[in-house]
C-alpha atoms as a PDB file:
ATOM      1  CA  UNK A   1     -42.113  16.382-114.031  1.00  0.00           C
ATOM      2  CA  UNK A   2     -39.476  14.223-112.335  1.00  0.00           C
ATOM      3  CA  UNK A   3     -36.871  15.480-109.889  1.00  0.00           C
ATOM      4  CA  UNK A   4     -33.984  15.023-112.334  1.00  0.00           C
ATOM      5  CA  UNK A   5     -35.578  17.348-114.870  1.00  0.00           C
ATOM      6  CA  UNK A   6     -36.387  19.983-112.235  1.00  0.00           C
ATOM      7  CA  UNK A   7     -32.848  19.891-110.821  1.00  0.00           C
ATOM      8  CA  UNK A   8     -31.428  20.162-114.334  1.00  0.00           C
ATOM      9  CA  UNK A   9     -33.531  23.253-115.010  1.00  0.00           C
ATOM     10  CA  UNK A  10     -32.480  24.865-111.718  1.00  0.00           C
ATOM     11  CA  UNK A  11     -28.849  24.039-112.391  1.00  0.00           C
ATOM     12  CA  UNK A  12     -29.089  25.703-115.794  1.00  0.00           C
ATOM     13  CA  UNK A  13     -30.517  28.830-114.188  1.00  0.00           C
ATOM     14  CA  UNK A  14     -27.568  29.047-111.797  1.00  0.00           C
ATOM     15  CA  UNK A  15     -24.565  27.557-113.535  1.00  0.00           C
ATOM     16  CA  UNK A  16     -22.169  29.372-111.234  1.00  0.00           C
ATOM     17  CA  UNK A  17     -23.805  28.530-107.913  1.00  0.00           C
ATOM     18  CA  UNK A  18     -21.737  26.316-105.639  1.00  0.00           C
ATOM     19  CA  UNK A  19     -24.225  24.039-103.914  1.00  0.00           C
ATOM     20  CA  UNK A  20     -24.926  23.592-100.223  1.00  0.00           C
ATOM     21  CA  UNK A  21     -22.320  24.037 -97.523  1.00  0.00           C
ATOM     22  CA  UNK A  22     -23.619  21.082 -95.522  1.00  0.00           C
ATOM     23  CA  UNK A  23     -25.226  17.973 -96.985  1.00  0.00           C
ATOM     24  CA  UNK A  24     -28.859  17.288 -96.100  1.00  0.00           C
ATOM     25  CA  UNK A  25     -30.047  13.744 -95.861  1.00  0.00           C
ATOM     26  CA  UNK A  26     -32.115  12.400 -98.737  1.00  0.00           C
ATOM     27  CA  UNK A  27     -35.565  10.876 -98.595  1.00  0.00           C
ATOM     28  CA  UNK A  28     -34.065   7.400 -98.821  1.00  0.00           C
ATOM     29  CA  UNK A  29     -32.739   7.837 -95.274  1.00  0.00           C
ATOM     30  CA  UNK A  30     -36.206   8.144 -93.775  1.00  0.00           C
ATOM     31  CA  UNK A  31     -36.892   5.885 -90.785  1.00  0.00           C
ATOM     32  CA  UNK A  32     -39.097   2.810 -91.161  1.00  0.00           C
ATOM     33  CA  UNK A  33     -41.727   4.535 -89.009  1.00  0.00           C
ATOM     34  CA  UNK A  34     -41.784   7.522 -91.356  1.00  0.00           C
ATOM     35  CA  UNK A  35     -42.161   5.219 -94.350  1.00  0.00           C
ATOM     36  CA  UNK A  36     -45.099   3.433 -92.725  1.00  0.00           C
ATOM     37  CA  UNK A  37     -46.969   6.474 -91.412  1.00  0.00           C
ATOM     38  CA  UNK A  38     -45.947   9.065 -93.999  1.00  0.00           C
ATOM     39  CA  UNK A  39     -45.167  11.418 -91.125  1.00  0.00           C
ATOM     40  CA  UNK A  40     -41.700  12.753 -90.451  1.00  0.00           C
ATOM     41  CA  UNK A  41     -39.910  12.654 -87.104  1.00  0.00           C
ATOM     42  CA  UNK A  42     -36.920  14.719 -88.245  1.00  0.00           C
ATOM     43  CA  UNK A  43     -37.550  18.212 -89.592  1.00  0.00           C
ATOM     44  CA  UNK A  44     -34.886  19.390 -92.064  1.00  0.00           C
ATOM     45  CA  UNK A  45     -34.590  23.169 -92.383  1.00  0.00           C
ATOM     46  CA  UNK A  46     -32.629  25.033 -95.035  1.00  0.00           C
ATOM     47  CA  UNK A  47     -31.365  28.566 -94.419  1.00  0.00           C
ATOM     48  CA  UNK A  48     -28.687  31.054 -95.475  1.00  0.00           C
ATOM     49  CA  UNK A  49     -26.189  32.966 -93.286  1.00  0.00           C
ATOM     50  CA  UNK A  50     -27.896  36.322 -93.703  1.00  0.00           C
ATOM     51  CA  UNK A  51     -29.385  38.677 -91.118  1.00  0.00           C
ATOM     52  CA  UNK A  52     -32.555  38.402 -93.212  1.00  0.00           C
ATOM     53  CA  UNK A  53     -33.092  34.955 -91.733  1.00  0.00           C
ATOM     54  CA  UNK A  54     -32.354  35.506 -88.046  1.00  0.00           C
ATOM     55  CA  UNK A  55     -35.848  34.210 -87.189  1.00  0.00           C
ATOM     56  CA  UNK A  56     -34.735  30.685 -88.084  1.00  0.00           C
ATOM     57  CA  UNK A  57     -31.574  31.055 -86.011  1.00  0.00           C
ATOM     58  CA  UNK A  58     -33.471  32.526 -83.066  1.00  0.00           C
ATOM     59  CA  UNK A  59     -35.954  29.648 -83.022  1.00  0.00           C
ATOM     60  CA  UNK A  60     -33.068  27.162 -83.071  1.00  0.00           C
ATOM     61  CA  UNK A  61     -31.002  28.954 -80.425  1.00  0.00           C
ATOM     62  CA  UNK A  62     -33.956  29.337 -78.061  1.00  0.00           C
ATOM     63  CA  UNK A  63     -34.923  25.686 -78.509  1.00  0.00           C
ATOM     64  CA  UNK A  64     -38.313  26.667 -79.876  1.00  0.00           C
ATOM     65  CA  UNK A  65     -38.135  24.413 -82.905  1.00  0.00           C
ATOM     66  CA  UNK A  66     -37.463  21.375 -80.744  1.00  0.00           C
ATOM     67  CA  UNK A  67     -39.882  22.229 -77.939  1.00  0.00           C
ATOM     68  CA  UNK A  68     -42.765  23.503 -80.069  1.00  0.00           C
ATOM     69  CA  UNK A  69     -42.660  20.697 -82.612  1.00  0.00           C
ATOM     70  CA  UNK A  70     -42.174  17.789 -80.202  1.00  0.00           C
ATOM     71  CA  UNK A  71     -45.950  17.355 -79.589  1.00  0.00           C
ATOM     72  CA  UNK A  72     -46.327  16.840 -83.351  1.00  0.00           C
ATOM     73  CA  UNK A  73     -43.943  13.896 -83.469  1.00  0.00           C
ATOM     74  CA  UNK A  74     -40.737  15.770 -84.274  1.00  0.00           C
ATOM     75  CA  UNK A  75     -37.882  14.220 -82.308  1.00  0.00           C
ATOM     76  CA  UNK A  76     -35.018  15.941 -84.128  1.00  0.00           C
ATOM     77  CA  UNK A  77     -34.536  19.229 -85.973  1.00  0.00           C
ATOM     78  CA  UNK A  78     -31.636  19.530 -88.400  1.00  0.00           C
ATOM     79  CA  UNK A  79     -30.620  22.731 -90.159  1.00  0.00           C
ATOM     80  CA  UNK A  80     -28.518  23.033 -93.285  1.00  0.00           C
ATOM     81  CA  UNK A  81     -26.740  26.153 -94.498  1.00  0.00           C
ATOM     82  CA  UNK A  82     -26.636  27.262 -98.133  1.00  0.00           C
ATOM     83  CA  UNK A  83     -24.748  30.138 -99.789  1.00  0.00           C
ATOM     84  CA  UNK A  84     -27.694  31.261-101.947  1.00  0.00           C
ATOM     85  CA  UNK A  85     -31.265  30.273-102.747  1.00  0.00           C
ATOM     86  CA  UNK A  86     -30.848  28.292-105.967  1.00  0.00           C
ATOM     87  CA  UNK A  87     -28.789  25.423-104.474  1.00  0.00           C
ATOM     88  CA  UNK A  88     -31.163  25.479-101.501  1.00  0.00           C
ATOM     89  CA  UNK A  89     -34.086  24.897-103.852  1.00  0.00           C
ATOM     90  CA  UNK A  90     -32.106  22.169-105.615  1.00  0.00           C
ATOM     91  CA  UNK A  91     -31.856  20.409-102.251  1.00  0.00           C
ATOM     92  CA  UNK A  92     -35.590  20.789-101.704  1.00  0.00           C
ATOM     93  CA  UNK A  93     -36.311  19.363-105.156  1.00  0.00           C
ATOM     94  CA  UNK A  94     -34.110  16.386-104.257  1.00  0.00           C
ATOM     95  CA  UNK A  95     -36.232  15.758-101.171  1.00  0.00           C
ATOM     96  CA  UNK A  96     -33.464  16.809 -98.796  1.00  0.00           C
ATOM     97  CA  UNK A  97     -35.377  19.629 -97.072  1.00  0.00           C
ATOM     98  CA  UNK A  98     -38.845  19.873 -95.563  1.00  0.00           C
ATOM     99  CA  UNK A  99     -38.915  23.648 -95.134  1.00  0.00           C
ATOM    100  CA  UNK A 100     -36.662  26.458 -96.334  1.00  0.00           C
ATOM    101  CA  UNK A 101     -35.886  30.021 -95.378  1.00  0.00           C
ATOM    102  CA  UNK A 102     -35.039  31.423 -98.791  1.00  0.00           C
ATOM    103  CA  UNK A 103     -35.456  34.447-101.033  1.00  0.00           C
ATOM    104  CA  UNK A 104     -38.857  34.459-102.715  1.00  0.00           C
ATOM    105  CA  UNK A 105     -37.409  34.453-106.244  1.00  0.00           C
ATOM    106  CA  UNK A 106     -35.638  31.038-106.274  1.00  0.00           C
ATOM    107  CA  UNK A 107     -38.839  29.139-105.349  1.00  0.00           C
ATOM    108  CA  UNK A 108     -40.485  30.685-108.404  1.00  0.00           C
ATOM    109  CA  UNK A 109     -38.015  28.957-110.732  1.00  0.00           C
ATOM    110  CA  UNK A 110     -38.325  25.726-108.772  1.00  0.00           C
ATOM    111  CA  UNK A 111     -42.130  25.740-108.585  1.00  0.00           C
ATOM    112  CA  UNK A 112     -42.357  26.707-112.258  1.00  0.00           C
ATOM    113  CA  UNK A 113     -40.209  23.682-113.056  1.00  0.00           C
ATOM    114  CA  UNK A 114     -42.424  21.402-110.983  1.00  0.00           C
ATOM    115  CA  UNK A 115     -41.329  21.595-107.327  1.00  0.00           C
ATOM    116  CA  UNK A 116     -44.334  20.718-105.129  1.00  0.00           C
ATOM    117  CA  UNK A 117     -44.034  23.427-102.466  1.00  0.00           C
ATOM    118  CA  UNK A 118     -45.608  26.701-101.357  1.00  0.00           C
ATOM    119  CA  UNK A 119     -44.660  29.916 -99.605  1.00  0.00           C
ATOM    120  CA  UNK A 120     -46.603  29.904 -96.324  1.00  0.00           C
ATOM    121  CA  UNK A 121     -45.123  32.907 -94.499  1.00  0.00           C
ATOM    122  CA  UNK A 122     -43.010  35.981 -95.080  1.00  0.00           C
ATOM    123  CA  UNK A 123     -39.572  36.429 -93.490  1.00  0.00           C
ATOM    124  CA  UNK A 124     -38.390  39.899 -94.510  1.00  0.00           C
ATOM    125  CA  UNK A 125     -38.721  42.699 -97.039  1.00  0.00           C
ATOM    126  CA  UNK A 126     -35.952  44.841 -98.611  1.00  0.00           C
ATOM    127  CA  UNK A 127     -32.515  44.510 -96.981  1.00  0.00           C
ATOM    128  CA  UNK A 128     -29.964  44.411 -99.828  1.00  0.00           C
ATOM    129  CA  UNK A 129     -27.589  47.197-100.904  1.00  0.00           C
ATOM    130  CA  UNK A 130     -25.543  48.221-103.914  1.00  0.00           C
ATOM    131  CA  UNK A 131     -21.985  48.904-102.736  1.00  0.00           C
ATOM    132  CA  UNK A 132     -19.332  50.523-104.922  1.00  0.00           C
ATOM    133  CA  UNK A 133     -15.604  50.780-104.377  1.00  0.00           C
ATOM    134  CA  UNK A 134     -14.618  54.120-102.898  1.00  0.00           C
ATOM    135  CA  UNK A 135     -12.789  55.123-106.083  1.00  0.00           C
ATOM    136  CA  UNK A 136     -15.993  54.829-108.122  1.00  0.00           C
ATOM    137  CA  UNK A 137     -18.397  57.745-108.422  1.00  0.00           C
ATOM    138  CA  UNK A 138     -22.122  57.089-108.379  1.00  0.00           C
ATOM    139  CA  UNK A 139     -24.563  59.574-109.892  1.00  0.00           C
ATOM    140  CA  UNK A 140     -27.439  57.238-110.749  1.00  0.00           C
ATOM    141  CA  UNK A 141     -28.015  53.930-112.537  1.00  0.00           C
ATOM    142  CA  UNK A 142     -26.505  55.221-115.788  1.00  0.00           C
ATOM    143  CA  UNK A 143     -23.149  55.661-114.034  1.00  0.00           C
ATOM    144  CA  UNK A 144     -22.934  51.887-113.601  1.00  0.00           C
ATOM    145  CA  UNK A 145     -22.506  51.340-117.351  1.00  0.00           C
ATOM    146  CA  UNK A 146     -19.150  49.708-118.017  1.00  0.00           C
ATOM    147  CA  UNK A 147     -18.659  48.630-114.407  1.00  0.00           C
ATOM    148  CA  UNK A 148     -18.465  45.097-113.033  1.00  0.00           C
ATOM    149  CA  UNK A 149     -20.979  44.212-110.311  1.00  0.00           C
ATOM    150  CA  UNK A 150     -20.978  40.987-108.329  1.00  0.00           C
ATOM    151  CA  UNK A 151     -24.327  39.689-107.119  1.00  0.00           C
ATOM    152  CA  UNK A 152     -26.232  36.465-106.463  1.00  0.00           C
ATOM    153  CA  UNK A 153     -26.811  34.072-109.406  1.00  0.00           C
ATOM    154  CA  UNK A 154     -29.629  34.446-111.969  1.00  0.00           C
ATOM    155  CA  UNK A 155     -33.005  33.646-110.469  1.00  0.00           C
ATOM    156  CA  UNK A 156     -32.096  35.156-107.094  1.00  0.00           C
ATOM    157  CA  UNK A 157     -33.763  38.122-105.394  1.00  0.00           C
ATOM    158  CA  UNK A 158     -30.727  40.341-105.929  1.00  0.00           C
ATOM    159  CA  UNK A 159     -30.317  39.478-109.601  1.00  0.00           C
ATOM    160  CA  UNK A 160     -34.040  39.998-110.245  1.00  0.00           C
ATOM    161  CA  UNK A 161     -34.355  43.263-108.314  1.00  0.00           C
ATOM    162  CA  UNK A 162     -31.246  44.811-109.862  1.00  0.00           C
ATOM    163  CA  UNK A 163     -32.079  43.870-113.437  1.00  0.00           C
ATOM    164  CA  UNK A 164     -35.668  45.085-113.118  1.00  0.00           C
ATOM    165  CA  UNK A 165     -34.430  48.349-111.593  1.00  0.00           C
ATOM    166  CA  UNK A 166     -31.937  48.868-114.421  1.00  0.00           C
ATOM    167  CA  UNK A 167     -34.634  48.215-117.014  1.00  0.00           C
ATOM    168  CA  UNK A 168     -37.049  50.602-115.276  1.00  0.00           C
ATOM    169  CA  UNK A 169     -34.321  53.250-115.305  1.00  0.00           C
ATOM    170  CA  UNK A 170     -33.632  52.782-119.003  1.00  0.00           C
ATOM    171  CA  UNK A 171     -30.264  51.075-118.508  1.00  0.00           C
ATOM    172  CA  UNK A 172     -29.417  47.950-120.509  1.00  0.00           C
ATOM    173  CA  UNK A 173     -28.262  45.297-118.035  1.00  0.00           C
ATOM    174  CA  UNK A 174     -25.953  43.955-120.740  1.00  0.00           C
ATOM    175  CA  UNK A 175     -23.995  47.212-120.572  1.00  0.00           C
ATOM    176  CA  UNK A 176     -22.877  46.205-117.065  1.00  0.00           C
ATOM    177  CA  UNK A 177     -20.664  43.207-116.337  1.00  0.00           C
ATOM    178  CA  UNK A 178     -22.926  41.429-113.830  1.00  0.00           C
ATOM    179  CA  UNK A 179     -20.999  38.563-112.272  1.00  0.00           C
ATOM    180  CA  UNK A 180     -22.816  35.726-110.494  1.00  0.00           C
ATOM    181  CA  UNK A 181     -21.195  35.281-107.085  1.00  0.00           C
ATOM    182  CA  UNK A 182     -21.924  33.870-103.672  1.00  0.00           C
ATOM    183  CA  UNK A 183     -21.638  36.388-100.797  1.00  0.00           C
ATOM    184  CA  UNK A 184     -18.203  35.344 -99.536  1.00  0.00           C
ATOM    185  CA  UNK A 185     -16.451  35.484-102.918  1.00  0.00           C
ATOM    186  CA  UNK A 186     -18.280  38.737-103.728  1.00  0.00           C
ATOM    187  CA  UNK A 187     -16.972  40.425-100.574  1.00  0.00           C
ATOM    188  CA  UNK A 188     -13.473  39.170-101.334  1.00  0.00           C
ATOM    189  CA  UNK A 189     -13.737  40.394-104.926  1.00  0.00           C
ATOM    190  CA  UNK A 190     -14.636  43.983-104.043  1.00  0.00           C
ATOM    191  CA  UNK A 191     -11.995  44.053-101.304  1.00  0.00           C
ATOM    192  CA  UNK A 192      -9.372  42.918-103.822  1.00  0.00           C
ATOM    193  CA  UNK A 193     -10.584  45.348-106.506  1.00  0.00           C
ATOM    194  CA  UNK A 194     -11.611  42.446-108.763  1.00  0.00           C
ATOM    195  CA  UNK A 195     -15.075  43.986-109.197  1.00  0.00           C
ATOM    196  CA  UNK A 196     -16.222  47.591-109.071  1.00  0.00           C
ATOM    197  CA  UNK A 197     -19.174  46.885-106.848  1.00  0.00           C
ATOM    198  CA  UNK A 198     -21.518  44.312-105.350  1.00  0.00           C
ATOM    199  CA  UNK A 199     -25.248  44.041-104.739  1.00  0.00           C
ATOM    200  CA  UNK A 200     -25.723  41.812-101.695  1.00  0.00           C
ATOM    201  CA  UNK A 201     -28.076  41.162 -98.786  1.00  0.00           C
ATOM    202  CA  UNK A 202     -27.125  42.253 -95.304  1.00  0.00           C
ATOM    203  CA  UNK A 203     -24.904  41.973 -93.376  1.00  0.00           C
ATOM    204  CA  UNK A 204     -22.412  41.971 -96.285  1.00  0.00           C
ATOM    205  CA  UNK A 205     -22.888  45.655 -97.268  1.00  0.00           C
ATOM    206  CA  UNK A 206     -22.217  46.862 -93.713  1.00  0.00           C
ATOM    207  CA  UNK A 207     -19.176  44.608 -93.377  1.00  0.00           C
ATOM    208  CA  UNK A 208     -17.701  45.959 -96.616  1.00  0.00           C
ATOM    209  CA  UNK A 209     -18.422  49.554 -95.608  1.00  0.00           C
ATOM    210  CA  UNK A 210     -16.970  49.246 -92.094  1.00  0.00           C
ATOM    211  CA  UNK A 211     -13.807  47.687 -93.515  1.00  0.00           C
ATOM    212  CA  UNK A 212     -13.411  50.731 -95.759  1.00  0.00           C
ATOM    213  CA  UNK A 213     -13.665  48.677 -98.952  1.00  0.00           C
ATOM    214  CA  UNK A 214     -16.757  50.338-100.394  1.00  0.00           C
ATOM    215  CA  UNK A 215     -19.680  52.707 -99.883  1.00  0.00           C
ATOM    216  CA  UNK A 216     -23.385  51.870 -99.907  1.00  0.00           C
ATOM    217  CA  UNK A 217     -24.950  53.918-102.719  1.00  0.00           C
ATOM    218  CA  UNK A 218     -28.463  52.450-103.147  1.00  0.00           C
ATOM    219  CA  UNK A 219     -30.750  50.417-100.894  1.00  0.00           C
ATOM    220  CA  UNK A 220     -32.858  47.725-102.554  1.00  0.00           C
ATOM    221  CA  UNK A 221     -35.958  49.379-101.094  1.00  0.00           C
ATOM    222  CA  UNK A 222     -35.124  52.406-103.244  1.00  0.00           C
ATOM    223  CA  UNK A 223     -34.893  50.199-106.314  1.00  0.00           C
ATOM    224  CA  UNK A 224     -38.178  48.454-105.556  1.00  0.00           C
ATOM    225  CA  UNK A 225     -40.038  49.784-102.500  1.00  0.00           C
ATOM    226  CA  UNK A 226     -41.109  47.131 -99.982  1.00  0.00           C
ATOM    227  CA  UNK A 227     -40.127  44.271-102.273  1.00  0.00           C
ATOM    228  CA  UNK A 228     -40.429  40.711-101.008  1.00  0.00           C
ATOM    229  CA  UNK A 229     -37.177  39.173 -99.950  1.00  0.00           C
ATOM    230  CA  UNK A 230     -36.925  36.045 -97.827  1.00  0.00           C
ATOM    231  CA  UNK A 231     -39.873  33.764 -97.223  1.00  0.00           C
ATOM    232  CA  UNK A 232     -40.724  30.441 -95.605  1.00  0.00           C
ATOM    233  CA  UNK A 233     -41.313  27.608 -98.084  1.00  0.00           C
ATOM    234  CA  UNK A 234     -42.901  24.296 -97.059  1.00  0.00           C
ATOM    235  CA  UNK A 235     -43.151  21.116 -99.127  1.00  0.00           C
ATOM    236  CA  UNK A 236     -46.570  20.106-100.427  1.00  0.00           C
ATOM    237  CA  UNK A 237     -45.979  16.707 -98.808  1.00  0.00           C
ATOM    238  CA  UNK A 238     -45.840  18.323 -95.374  1.00  0.00           C
ATOM    239  CA  UNK A 239     -48.820  20.533 -96.174  1.00  0.00           C
ATOM    240  CA  UNK A 240     -50.840  17.537 -97.308  1.00  0.00           C
ATOM    241  CA  UNK A 241     -49.821  14.960 -94.721  1.00  0.00           C
ATOM    242  CA  UNK A 242     -49.105  17.011 -91.576  1.00  0.00           C
ATOM    243  CA  UNK A 243     -51.075  20.264 -91.708  1.00  0.00           C
ATOM    244  CA  UNK A 244     -51.074  20.595 -87.904  1.00  0.00           C
ATOM    245  CA  UNK A 245     -47.284  20.524 -87.969  1.00  0.00           C
ATOM    246  CA  UNK A 246     -47.230  23.229 -90.648  1.00  0.00           C
ATOM    247  CA  UNK A 247     -49.439  25.423 -88.467  1.00  0.00           C
ATOM    248  CA  UNK A 248     -47.032  25.035 -85.551  1.00  0.00           C
ATOM    249  CA  UNK A 249     -44.020  25.781 -87.755  1.00  0.00           C
ATOM    250  CA  UNK A 250     -45.710  29.063 -88.665  1.00  0.00           C
ATOM    251  CA  UNK A 251     -46.556  29.805 -85.009  1.00  0.00           C
ATOM    252  CA  UNK A 252     -42.935  29.289 -84.046  1.00  0.00           C
ATOM    253  CA  UNK A 253     -41.766  31.433 -86.958  1.00  0.00           C
ATOM    254  CA  UNK A 254     -44.127  34.245 -85.919  1.00  0.00           C
ATOM    255  CA  UNK A 255     -42.878  33.994 -82.322  1.00  0.00           C
ATOM    256  CA  UNK A 256     -39.252  34.218 -83.469  1.00  0.00           C
ATOM    257  CA  UNK A 257     -39.996  37.126 -85.819  1.00  0.00           C
ATOM    258  CA  UNK A 258     -41.793  39.097 -83.126  1.00  0.00           C
ATOM    259  CA  UNK A 259     -38.966  38.404 -80.694  1.00  0.00           C
ATOM    260  CA  UNK A 260     -36.185  39.685 -82.953  1.00  0.00           C
ATOM    261  CA  UNK A 261     -38.177  42.845 -83.676  1.00  0.00           C
ATOM    262  CA  UNK A 262     -38.524  43.416 -79.926  1.00  0.00           C
ATOM    263  CA  UNK A 263     -34.911  42.442 -79.124  1.00  0.00           C
ATOM    264  CA  UNK A 264     -32.697  43.528 -82.057  1.00  0.00           C
ATOM    265  CA  UNK A 265     -29.513  43.611 -79.962  1.00  0.00           C
ATOM    266  CA  UNK A 266     -30.029  40.022 -78.845  1.00  0.00           C
ATOM    267  CA  UNK A 267     -30.800  39.123 -82.461  1.00  0.00           C
ATOM    268  CA  UNK A 268     -27.421  40.561 -83.441  1.00  0.00           C
ATOM    269  CA  UNK A 269     -25.739  38.525 -80.711  1.00  0.00           C
ATOM    270  CA  UNK A 270     -27.478  35.331 -81.833  1.00  0.00           C
ATOM    271  CA  UNK A 271     -26.433  35.918 -85.423  1.00  0.00           C
ATOM    272  CA  UNK A 272     -22.846  36.735 -84.442  1.00  0.00           C
ATOM    273  CA  UNK A 273     -22.588  33.601 -82.321  1.00  0.00           C
ATOM    274  CA  UNK A 274     -24.169  31.418 -84.975  1.00  0.00           C
ATOM    275  CA  UNK A 275     -22.041  32.610 -87.877  1.00  0.00           C
ATOM    276  CA  UNK A 276     -18.916  33.688 -85.960  1.00  0.00           C
ATOM    277  CA  UNK A 277     -19.360  37.160 -87.437  1.00  0.00           C
ATOM    278  CA  UNK A 278     -18.034  40.357 -85.852  1.00  0.00           C
ATOM    279  CA  UNK A 279     -20.719  41.601 -83.445  1.00  0.00           C
ATOM    280  CA  UNK A 280     -19.984  45.289 -84.095  1.00  0.00           C
ATOM    281  CA  UNK A 281     -20.484  44.765 -87.831  1.00  0.00           C
ATOM    282  CA  UNK A 282     -23.742  42.880 -87.275  1.00  0.00           C
ATOM    283  CA  UNK A 283     -25.132  45.546 -84.946  1.00  0.00           C
ATOM    284  CA  UNK A 284     -24.220  48.187 -87.539  1.00  0.00           C
ATOM    285  CA  UNK A 285     -26.001  46.158 -90.215  1.00  0.00           C
ATOM    286  CA  UNK A 286     -29.201  45.801 -88.198  1.00  0.00           C
ATOM    287  CA  UNK A 287     -29.176  49.487 -87.268  1.00  0.00           C
ATOM    288  CA  UNK A 288     -28.648  50.704 -90.824  1.00  0.00           C
ATOM    289  CA  UNK A 289     -30.302  48.269 -93.221  1.00  0.00           C
ATOM    290  CA  UNK A 290     -33.561  49.231 -94.916  1.00  0.00           C
ATOM    291  CA  UNK A 291     -35.107  45.819 -94.302  1.00  0.00           C
ATOM    292  CA  UNK A 292     -37.877  44.668 -91.975  1.00  0.00           C
ATOM    293  CA  UNK A 293     -38.574  41.268 -90.425  1.00  0.00           C
ATOM    294  CA  UNK A 294     -42.161  40.274 -91.152  1.00  0.00           C
ATOM    295  CA  UNK A 295     -44.257  37.117 -91.108  1.00  0.00           C
ATOM    296  CA  UNK A 296     -47.542  37.905 -92.915  1.00  0.00           C
ATOM    297  CA  UNK A 297     -47.310  36.386 -96.429  1.00  0.00           C
ATOM    298  CA  UNK A 298     -49.840  38.901 -97.792  1.00  0.00           C
ATOM    299  CA  UNK A 299     -47.130  41.563 -97.480  1.00  0.00           C
ATOM    300  CA  UNK A 300     -45.139  39.711-100.116  1.00  0.00           C
ATOM    301  CA  UNK A 301     -47.792  38.504-102.525  1.00  0.00           C
ATOM    302  CA  UNK A 302     -47.839  41.469-104.917  1.00  0.00           C
ATOM    303  CA  UNK A 303     -44.088  41.815-105.424  1.00  0.00           C
ATOM    304  CA  UNK A 304     -43.523  38.042-105.506  1.00  0.00           C
ATOM    305  CA  UNK A 305     -46.081  37.636-108.287  1.00  0.00           C
ATOM    306  CA  UNK A 306     -44.279  40.466-110.088  1.00  0.00           C
ATOM    307  CA  UNK A 307     -40.999  38.561-109.540  1.00  0.00           C
ATOM    308  CA  UNK A 308     -42.681  35.671-111.357  1.00  0.00           C
ATOM    309  CA  UNK A 309     -43.546  37.939-114.282  1.00  0.00           C
ATOM    310  CA  UNK A 310     -40.013  39.377-114.414  1.00  0.00           C
ATOM    311  CA  UNK A 311     -38.497  35.880-114.233  1.00  0.00           C
ATOM    312  CA  UNK A 312     -40.706  34.761-117.105  1.00  0.00           C
ATOM    313  CA  UNK A 313     -39.868  37.847-119.170  1.00  0.00           C
ATOM    314  CA  UNK A 314     -36.136  37.302-118.601  1.00  0.00           C
ATOM    315  CA  UNK A 315     -36.426  33.666-119.683  1.00  0.00           C
ATOM    316  CA  UNK A 316     -35.628  32.206-116.269  1.00  0.00           C
ATOM    317  CA  UNK A 317     -38.913  30.302-116.268  1.00  0.00           C
ATOM    318  CA  UNK A 318     -40.982  28.759-119.038  1.00  0.00           C
ATOM    319  CA  UNK A 319     -44.266  29.225-117.201  1.00  0.00           C
ATOM    320  CA  UNK A 320     -45.657  32.425-115.695  1.00  0.00           C
ATOM    321  CA  UNK A 321     -46.902  31.678-112.189  1.00  0.00           C
ATOM    322  CA  UNK A 322     -49.919  33.197-110.458  1.00  0.00           C
ATOM    323  CA  UNK A 323     -50.475  33.778-106.743  1.00  0.00           C
ATOM    324  CA  UNK A 324     -52.152  30.401-106.191  1.00  0.00           C
ATOM    325  CA  UNK A 325     -49.207  28.621-107.796  1.00  0.00           C
ATOM    326  CA  UNK A 326     -46.748  30.189-105.357  1.00  0.00           C
ATOM    327  CA  UNK A 327     -48.579  30.811-102.069  1.00  0.00           C
ATOM    328  CA  UNK A 328     -50.693  28.997 -99.531  1.00  0.00           C
ATOM    329  CA  UNK A 329     -51.685  31.712 -97.053  1.00  0.00           C
ATOM    330  CA  UNK A 330     -54.428  29.649 -95.412  1.00  0.00           C
ATOM    331  CA  UNK A 331     -52.181  28.331 -92.642  1.00  0.00           C
ATOM    332  CA  UNK A 332     -51.036  31.789 -91.607  1.00  0.00           C
ATOM    333  CA  UNK A 333     -54.604  33.070 -91.654  1.00  0.00           C
ATOM    334  CA  UNK A 334     -55.745  30.152 -89.513  1.00  0.00           C
ATOM    335  CA  UNK A 335     -52.942  30.662 -86.999  1.00  0.00           C
ATOM    336  CA  UNK A 336     -53.573  34.401 -86.689  1.00  0.00           C
ATOM    337  CA  UNK A 337     -57.321  33.863 -86.524  1.00  0.00           C
ATOM    338  CA  UNK A 338     -56.871  31.574 -83.533  1.00  0.00           C
ATOM    339  CA  UNK A 339     -55.000  34.224 -81.527  1.00  0.00           C
END
């Protein structure tokens, strides 16, 4: 399936998504050396401004990406920020990214539509919250009927988790006005009273709560215990042509993940500096979220495969994916086995 068709399918899944904040370079801009050898010298990383993905930011801030990947021919590392996962996957389909820190649901739509890529490591589990305005009473999922809730676009982790949870609780998702929104507009909407609530990844729920604009009423881990959230996706081209580089990318990711778990206050400082967010709000988010930073992809396999089933059942994908379609855990296993 060609790239145009895949991008068209992804665009249809997320009509209201806004695209990337910064513009990655396309494959056509590859150096002559890269064209001759098939090996890249610039690694292009996609990520989102969420505390879920601090591992990517930590590795960049500490210089680990540059230092660790230099022996493998990488002379430059570029990162590109996206508001949500669907436009990030659109960029990967277009050949504008080599690896992506992204929720594990958007790659399902992309891979189902033909994107040659695999999840090679986990990034985090849980970590999103349902927040309602303080004038709204919450007594369970049924009390959301008739309300308006802003969340990430269809095909995202948040959209998938919330709709599955509502179905499991016997609530028709169509009885709730679910509005597809990026995190910034969603926070503005609840603050202005334009929506009754939001379901967003951290740090947004803590920011809303500390500003007195809403109360956290349900953690995503309560909706779906230990559900997969963000993951590390690598292109099949990189897997096929530079497997040693992929192994080192995973080593660096593991190092960054372990470091933020051991130094959460520094992680908050890195995130605050990177995104210009309020440090107090970020520390509150990290102290109170129900998420965990992880790296072992096996932790995410079960729920990600279930995401694939849910996505298929909801009509987001035309093909139901299995574990082997989505994951390549061999690199992680090799890296950990060598320790």
